[in-house]
C-alpha atoms as a PDB file:
ATOM      1  CA  MET A   1      35.032 311.522 149.163  1.00  0.00           C
ATOM      2  CA  CYS A   2      31.835 313.808 149.365  1.00  0.00           C
ATOM      3  CA  ASP A   3      32.899 315.393 146.016  1.00  0.00           C
ATOM      4  CA  LEU A   4      33.976 311.775 144.586  1.00  0.00           C
ATOM      5  CA  GLU A   5      37.498 312.912 144.856  1.00  0.00           C
ATOM      6  CA  ALA A   6      40.301 312.948 147.128  1.00  0.00           C
ATOM      7  CA  ASP A   7      43.845 314.514 146.749  1.00  0.00           C
ATOM      8  CA  VAL A   8      45.517 312.162 148.933  1.00  0.00           C
ATOM      9  CA  PRO A   9      49.038 314.043 149.193  1.00  0.00           C
ATOM     10  CA  THR A  10      47.380 317.388 150.056  1.00  0.00           C
ATOM     11  CA  ILE A  11      45.281 315.781 152.732  1.00  0.00           C
ATOM     12  CA  CYS A  12      48.116 314.009 154.206  1.00  0.00           C
ATOM     13  CA  ALA A  13      50.148 317.592 154.154  1.00  0.00           C
ATOM     14  CA  ALA A  14      47.428 319.215 155.957  1.00  0.00           C
ATOM     15  CA  HIS A  15      47.596 316.650 158.932  1.00  0.00           C
ATOM     16  CA  GLU A  16      51.346 316.151 158.847  1.00  0.00           C
ATOM     17  CA  ILE A  17      51.070 312.575 157.630  1.00  0.00           C
ATOM     18  CA  GLU A  18      53.411 310.731 155.149  1.00  0.00           C
ATOM     19  CA  PRO A  19      51.578 310.285 151.982  1.00  0.00           C
ATOM     20  CA  ALA A  20      53.216 306.880 151.387  1.00  0.00           C
ATOM     21  CA  ARG A  21      51.250 305.316 154.200  1.00  0.00           C
ATOM     22  CA  PHE A  22      47.976 306.113 152.345  1.00  0.00           C
ATOM     23  CA  LEU A  23      48.995 305.852 148.910  1.00  0.00           C
ATOM     24  CA  ASP A  24      50.017 302.330 149.707  1.00  0.00           C
ATOM     25  CA  SER A  25      46.467 301.612 150.234  1.00  0.00           C
ATOM     26  CA  VAL A  26      45.541 302.834 146.747  1.00  0.00           C
ATOM     27  CA  GLU A  27      47.193 299.505 145.313  1.00  0.00           C
ATOM     28  CA  SER A  28      43.989 297.805 146.357  1.00  0.00           C
ATOM     29  CA  LEU A  29      41.967 300.125 144.254  1.00  0.00           C
ATOM     30  CA  VAL A  30      43.476 298.928 140.975  1.00  0.00           C
ATOM     31  CA  THR A  31      40.791 296.559 140.242  1.00  0.00           C
ATOM     32  CA  LEU A  32      38.145 299.281 140.611  1.00  0.00           C
ATOM     33  CA  ALA A  33      40.433 301.633 138.019  1.00  0.00           C
ATOM     34  CA  GLU A  34      40.996 298.690 135.669  1.00  0.00           C
ATOM     35  CA  GLU A  35      37.069 298.332 135.587  1.00  0.00           C
ATOM     36  CA  GLY A  36      36.536 302.027 134.798  1.00  0.00           C
ATOM     37  CA  ILE A  37      34.807 302.955 138.243  1.00  0.00           C
ATOM     38  CA  LEU A  38      37.561 305.241 139.365  1.00  0.00           C
ATOM     39  CA  ASP A  39      40.826 307.091 138.119  1.00  0.00           C
ATOM     40  CA  VAL A  40      44.204 307.172 140.203  1.00  0.00           C
ATOM     41  CA  GLU A  41      46.885 309.641 139.166  1.00  0.00           C
ATOM     42  CA  ASN A  42      49.388 311.089 141.082  1.00  0.00           C
ATOM     43  CA  GLY A  43      47.901 310.284 144.439  1.00  0.00           C
ATOM     44  CA  PHE A  44      44.606 311.926 143.285  1.00  0.00           C
ATOM     45  CA  ILE A  45      41.624 309.628 143.440  1.00  0.00           C
ATOM     46  CA  ARG A  46      38.398 310.556 141.453  1.00  0.00           C
ATOM     47  CA  VAL A  47      35.327 308.099 141.431  1.00  0.00           C
ATOM     48  CA  ARG A  48      33.459 308.617 138.162  1.00  0.00           C
ATOM     49  CA  PRO A  49      30.008 309.962 138.667  1.00  0.00           C
ATOM     50  CA  GLU A  50      28.141 307.039 137.101  1.00  0.00           C
ATOM     51  CA  HIS A  51      29.730 305.000 139.772  1.00  0.00           C
ATOM     52  CA  ARG A  52      29.106 307.187 142.800  1.00  0.00           C
ATOM     53  CA  PHE A  53      27.119 304.210 144.573  1.00  0.00           C
ATOM     54  CA  VAL A  54      30.662 302.432 145.091  1.00  0.00           C
ATOM     55  CA  VAL A  55      32.199 305.384 146.775  1.00  0.00           C
ATOM     56  CA  ARG A  56      32.230 303.754 150.320  1.00  0.00           C
ATOM     57  CA  ALA A  57      34.145 300.857 148.864  1.00  0.00           C
ATOM     58  CA  VAL A  58      36.741 303.323 147.911  1.00  0.00           C
ATOM     59  CA  ALA A  59      36.763 305.182 151.197  1.00  0.00           C
ATOM     60  CA  ALA A  60      37.121 301.773 152.711  1.00  0.00           C
ATOM     61  CA  ALA A  61      40.396 301.031 151.140  1.00  0.00           C
ATOM     62  CA  PHE A  62      41.744 303.730 153.630  1.00  0.00           C
ATOM     63  CA  ASP A  63      39.878 302.791 156.757  1.00  0.00           C
ATOM     64  CA  ALA A  64      42.366 301.415 159.353  1.00  0.00           C
ATOM     65  CA  PHE A  65      39.592 299.664 161.329  1.00  0.00           C
ATOM     66  CA  LEU A  66      38.449 297.598 158.418  1.00  0.00           C
ATOM     67  CA  ALA A  67      42.145 296.594 157.445  1.00  0.00           C
ATOM     68  CA  ASN A  68      42.630 295.246 160.965  1.00  0.00           C
ATOM     69  CA  ARG A  69      39.550 293.009 160.574  1.00  0.00           C
END
């Protein structure tokens, strides 16, 4: 996410993790996508540069610790 984008399937493949586990988290980003803050396509997440200040909120969708709170 440092580059405001993440290729979830490629990251999962590199760590031998099933992409579906993480792509299910993408559903929580639908609101941000609808508001034009980010784009989600084929597991690739891209935060639009003018909205870079919310990148932590995007990353939080994948944070297992936060999900269990």
